[in-house]
């Protein structure tokens, strides 16, 4: 779902950058589900995606003993 959102953002904001989708790194915080663009993502991809990325609707999750952010390449 996050990948689809990123692709839609790129198509809307800068379609010519879709070819560089593999350079996008997304960070997901496992404790609260927040999604953000990792700083390893190069400009202008970082700015275009970060300013348009919508947070997923939060579901009630049981407490996680030690939250670990997870980074994934799109």
Protein backbone atom coordinates (compact mmCIF):
# COMPACT_ATOMS: atom_id res chain seq x y z
CA UNK A 1 0.00 0.00 0.00
CA UNK A 2 2.86 2.40 0.79
CA UNK A 3 4.55 1.59 -2.52
CA UNK A 4 1.34 2.40 -4.41
CA UNK A 5 1.04 5.72 -2.59
CA UNK A 6 4.64 6.61 -3.48
CA UNK A 7 4.08 5.72 -7.15
CA UNK A 8 0.92 7.86 -7.26
CA UNK A 9 2.78 10.80 -5.70
CA UNK A 10 5.56 10.55 -8.26
CA UNK A 11 3.14 10.28 -11.17
CA UNK A 12 1.24 13.33 -9.95
CA UNK A 13 4.24 15.45 -8.94
CA UNK A 14 7.06 14.37 -11.24
CA UNK A 15 6.24 11.51 -13.58
CA UNK A 16 9.74 11.52 -15.06
CA UNK A 17 11.10 10.41 -11.65
CA UNK A 18 9.12 7.15 -11.55
CA UNK A 19 12.10 5.40 -13.17
CA UNK A 20 14.08 6.16 -10.00
CA UNK A 21 11.61 4.47 -7.65
CA UNK A 22 14.27 1.98 -6.54
CA UNK A 23 16.17 4.86 -4.89
CA UNK A 24 13.30 5.62 -2.50
CA UNK A 25 13.76 4.37 1.06
CA UNK A 26 10.72 4.43 3.33
CA UNK A 27 10.93 4.18 7.11
CA UNK A 28 8.09 2.59 9.09
CA UNK A 29 8.00 2.96 12.86
CA UNK A 30 6.70 -0.33 14.24
CA UNK A 31 5.42 1.18 17.48
CA UNK A 32 3.05 3.76 16.02
CA UNK A 33 2.88 2.88 12.31
CA UNK A 34 4.18 6.26 11.16
CA UNK A 35 5.61 6.22 7.66
CA UNK A 36 8.33 8.62 6.53
CA UNK A 37 10.88 9.02 3.77
CA UNK A 38 14.35 8.02 4.92
CA UNK A 39 17.13 10.58 4.56
CA UNK A 40 19.01 8.19 2.23
CA UNK A 41 16.44 9.00 -0.48
CA UNK A 42 18.03 11.49 -2.88
CA UNK A 43 16.55 14.85 -3.84
CA UNK A 44 14.21 15.74 -5.46
CA UNK A 45 12.56 12.39 -4.69
CA UNK A 46 12.81 13.00 -0.94
CA UNK A 47 11.05 16.39 -1.02
CA UNK A 48 8.35 15.39 -3.49
CA UNK A 49 7.39 12.27 -1.55
CA UNK A 50 7.87 13.61 2.00
CA UNK A 51 5.60 16.58 1.41
CA UNK A 52 2.80 14.41 0.00
CA UNK A 53 3.05 11.19 2.01
CA UNK A 54 -0.13 10.44 3.94
CA UNK A 55 0.05 8.58 7.21
CA UNK A 56 -1.90 5.32 7.38
CA UNK A 57 -4.95 5.23 9.60
CA UNK A 58 -3.70 4.12 13.01
CA UNK A 59 -4.98 0.82 14.28
CA UNK A 60 -4.87 0.06 17.95
CA UNK A 61 -1.76 -2.05 18.43
CA UNK A 62 -0.69 -3.72 21.62
CA UNK A 63 2.40 -2.25 23.19
CA UNK A 64 5.65 -3.13 21.50
CA UNK A 65 8.42 -3.69 24.06
CA UNK A 66 11.15 -1.99 22.03
CA UNK A 67 10.06 -0.01 18.97
CA UNK A 68 12.41 -0.51 16.06
CA UNK A 69 12.12 1.66 12.98
CA UNK A 70 12.24 -0.36 9.80
CA UNK A 71 13.53 0.99 6.50
CA UNK A 72 12.48 -0.55 3.21
CA UNK A 73 13.41 0.18 -0.35
CA UNK A 74 10.43 0.78 -2.57
